Amino acid sequence: MTNFSSTSVLRKTAGLTLSKPVQVTLYMLLSSLVIWTVLFSTYPAAHNTAHSARHHTLGVACH
């Protein structure tokens, strides 16, 4: 592999990577989606675990 081709590969790779703000935004959206899905799940095991954790960590009074 020549120096020219390895430099070319590095430039192409750098062009495909996402900037930090885009990475942070995607991470936050994915995290929010996962949390939203678990908290509002109708699957009993996931809902009960999230419900208990929400009451224990946030100090929310039980209904």
N, C-alpha and C. Protein backbone atom coordinates (compact mmCIF):
# COMPACT_ATOMS: atom_id res chain seq x y z
N MET A 1 0.85 -1.17 0.00
CA MET A 1 0.00 0.00 0.00
C MET A 1 0.90 1.24 0.00
N THR A 2 0.65 2.13 -0.88
CA THR A 2 1.48 3.32 -0.98
C THR A 2 1.00 4.40 -0.02
N ASN A 3 1.84 5.38 0.18
CA ASN A 3 1.50 6.48 1.08
C ASN A 3 0.28 7.25 0.55
N PHE A 4 0.21 7.39 -0.77
CA PHE A 4 -0.91 8.13 -1.37
C PHE A 4 -2.24 7.44 -1.10
N SER A 5 -2.29 6.12 -1.24
CA SER A 5 -3.55 5.42 -1.05
C SER A 5 -3.98 5.39 0.41
N SER A 6 -3.04 5.29 1.35
CA SER A 6 -3.41 5.30 2.77
C SER A 6 -3.91 6.68 3.17
N THR A 7 -3.33 7.73 2.60
CA THR A 7 -3.81 9.09 2.87
C THR A 7 -5.20 9.27 2.31
N SER A 8 -5.44 8.72 1.15
CA SER A 8 -6.75 8.81 0.52
C SER A 8 -7.80 8.09 1.36
N VAL A 9 -7.46 6.94 1.89
CA VAL A 9 -8.38 6.17 2.73
C VAL A 9 -8.70 6.96 4.00
N LEU A 10 -7.69 7.58 4.60
CA LEU A 10 -7.90 8.37 5.81
C LEU A 10 -8.82 9.56 5.54
N ARG A 11 -8.65 10.20 4.40
CA ARG A 11 -9.51 11.34 4.06
C ARG A 11 -10.96 10.90 3.85
N LYS A 12 -11.13 9.76 3.18
CA LYS A 12 -12.49 9.25 2.97
C LYS A 12 -13.14 8.89 4.30
N THR A 13 -12.38 8.28 5.19
CA THR A 13 -12.90 7.91 6.50
C THR A 13 -13.27 9.14 7.30
N ALA A 14 -12.41 10.15 7.28
CA ALA A 14 -12.69 11.39 8.00
C ALA A 14 -13.93 12.08 7.44
N GLY A 15 -14.17 11.95 6.17
CA GLY A 15 -15.34 12.55 5.57
C GLY A 15 -16.64 11.84 5.94
N LEU A 16 -16.55 10.57 6.31
CA LEU A 16 -17.73 9.80 6.65
C LEU A 16 -18.12 9.89 8.13
N THR A 17 -17.18 10.27 8.97
CA THR A 17 -17.48 10.34 10.39
C THR A 17 -18.39 11.52 10.69
N LEU A 18 -19.16 11.38 11.75
CA LEU A 18 -20.09 12.43 12.14
C LEU A 18 -19.43 13.39 13.11
N SER A 19 -19.83 14.63 13.07
CA SER A 19 -19.29 15.61 13.99
C SER A 19 -19.79 15.33 15.40
N LYS A 20 -19.12 15.89 16.40
CA LYS A 20 -19.50 15.66 17.79
C LYS A 20 -20.94 16.11 18.09
N PRO A 21 -21.37 17.29 17.64
CA PRO A 21 -22.76 17.67 17.92
C PRO A 21 -23.77 16.68 17.34
N VAL A 22 -23.49 16.15 16.17
CA VAL A 22 -24.40 15.17 15.56
C VAL A 22 -24.38 13.87 16.36
N GLN A 23 -23.21 13.44 16.80
CA GLN A 23 -23.11 12.23 17.61
C GLN A 23 -23.86 12.39 18.92
N VAL A 24 -23.70 13.53 19.58
CA VAL A 24 -24.38 13.77 20.85
C VAL A 24 -25.89 13.80 20.64
N THR A 25 -26.34 14.45 19.60
CA THR A 25 -27.77 14.52 19.32
C THR A 25 -28.35 13.13 19.06
N LEU A 26 -27.68 12.34 18.25
CA LEU A 26 -28.16 10.99 17.97
C LEU A 26 -28.17 10.13 19.23
N TYR A 27 -27.15 10.26 20.06
CA TYR A 27 -27.08 9.51 21.31
C TYR A 27 -28.24 9.90 22.23
N MET A 28 -28.51 11.19 22.36
CA MET A 28 -29.59 11.65 23.22
C MET A 28 -30.96 11.20 22.70
N LEU A 29 -31.15 11.24 21.39
CA LEU A 29 -32.42 10.78 20.82
C LEU A 29 -32.62 9.28 21.04
N LEU A 30 -31.57 8.51 20.83
CA LEU A 30 -31.67 7.06 21.04
C LEU A 30 -31.92 6.74 22.51
N SER A 31 -31.21 7.42 23.39
CA SER A 31 -31.40 7.19 24.83
C SER A 31 -32.82 7.56 25.25
N SER A 32 -33.32 8.68 24.76
CA SER A 32 -34.67 9.11 25.09
C SER A 32 -35.70 8.11 24.58
N LEU A 33 -35.49 7.61 23.39
CA LEU A 33 -36.41 6.63 22.82
C LEU A 33 -36.44 5.35 23.66
N VAL A 34 -35.29 4.89 24.09
CA VAL A 34 -35.24 3.68 24.91
C VAL A 34 -35.94 3.91 26.24
N ILE A 35 -35.66 5.02 26.89
CA ILE A 35 -36.29 5.32 28.17
C ILE A 35 -37.80 5.46 28.02
N TRP A 36 -38.23 6.18 27.00
CA TRP A 36 -39.67 6.36 26.73
C TRP A 36 -40.35 5.01 26.51
N THR A 37 -39.71 4.15 25.73
CA THR A 37 -40.27 2.84 25.43
C THR A 37 -40.42 1.99 26.69
N VAL A 38 -39.42 2.00 27.55
CA VAL A 38 -39.48 1.20 28.77
C VAL A 38 -40.51 1.76 29.74
N LEU A 39 -40.52 3.09 29.91
CA LEU A 39 -41.44 3.67 30.89
C LEU A 39 -42.90 3.51 30.49
N PHE A 40 -43.19 3.51 29.21
CA PHE A 40 -44.57 3.40 28.77
C PHE A 40 -44.88 2.04 28.14
N SER A 41 -44.09 1.06 28.49
CA SER A 41 -44.29 -0.28 27.97
C SER A 41 -45.51 -0.93 28.62
N THR A 42 -46.21 -1.73 27.85
CA THR A 42 -47.32 -2.50 28.42
C THR A 42 -46.89 -3.91 28.77
N TYR A 43 -45.64 -4.25 28.48
CA TYR A 43 -45.09 -5.55 28.87
C TYR A 43 -44.91 -5.53 30.38
N PRO A 44 -45.59 -6.40 31.13
CA PRO A 44 -45.62 -6.30 32.59
C PRO A 44 -44.25 -6.27 33.27
N ALA A 45 -43.34 -7.13 32.85
CA ALA A 45 -42.04 -7.17 33.51
C ALA A 45 -41.28 -5.86 33.35
N ALA A 46 -41.26 -5.31 32.15
CA ALA A 46 -40.56 -4.05 31.90
C ALA A 46 -41.27 -2.90 32.60
N HIS A 47 -42.60 -2.88 32.53
CA HIS A 47 -43.35 -1.79 33.15
C HIS A 47 -43.19 -1.78 34.67
N ASN A 48 -43.31 -2.93 35.30
CA ASN A 48 -43.21 -2.99 36.75
C ASN A 48 -41.83 -2.61 37.25
N THR A 49 -40.80 -3.04 36.56
CA THR A 49 -39.43 -2.68 36.94
C THR A 49 -39.20 -1.19 36.80
N ALA A 50 -39.62 -0.62 35.69
CA ALA A 50 -39.46 0.81 35.48
C ALA A 50 -40.30 1.61 36.46
N HIS A 51 -41.50 1.12 36.76
CA HIS A 51 -42.39 1.78 37.69
C HIS A 51 -41.77 1.82 39.09
N SER A 52 -41.23 0.70 39.53
CA SER A 52 -40.59 0.64 40.85
C SER A 52 -39.37 1.54 40.90
N ALA A 53 -38.56 1.52 39.86
CA ALA A 53 -37.37 2.36 39.83
C ALA A 53 -37.75 3.84 39.84
N ARG A 54 -38.79 4.20 39.13
CA ARG A 54 -39.25 5.59 39.09
C ARG A 54 -39.69 6.04 40.48
N HIS A 55 -40.41 5.20 41.20
CA HIS A 55 -40.88 5.57 42.54
C HIS A 55 -39.71 5.64 43.52
N HIS A 56 -38.75 4.75 43.41
CA HIS A 56 -37.63 4.73 44.35
C HIS A 56 -36.63 5.86 44.11
N THR A 57 -36.38 6.19 42.86
CA THR A 57 -35.34 7.18 42.58
C THR A 57 -35.87 8.61 42.56
N LEU A 58 -37.10 8.81 42.14
CA LEU A 58 -37.63 10.16 42.03
C LEU A 58 -38.46 10.56 43.25
N GLY A 59 -38.73 9.63 44.14
CA GLY A 59 -39.53 9.94 45.32
C GLY A 59 -40.98 10.25 44.98
N VAL A 60 -41.47 9.68 43.91
CA VAL A 60 -42.85 9.92 43.49
C VAL A 60 -43.78 9.11 44.38
N ALA A 61 -44.80 9.73 44.90
CA ALA A 61 -45.75 9.03 45.75
C ALA A 61 -46.51 7.98 44.93
N CYS A 62 -46.81 6.89 45.57
CA CYS A 62 -47.53 5.84 44.87
C CYS A 62 -48.99 6.23 44.71
N HIS A 63 -49.61 5.78 43.65
CA HIS A 63 -50.99 6.17 43.35
C HIS A 63 -51.92 5.14 43.78
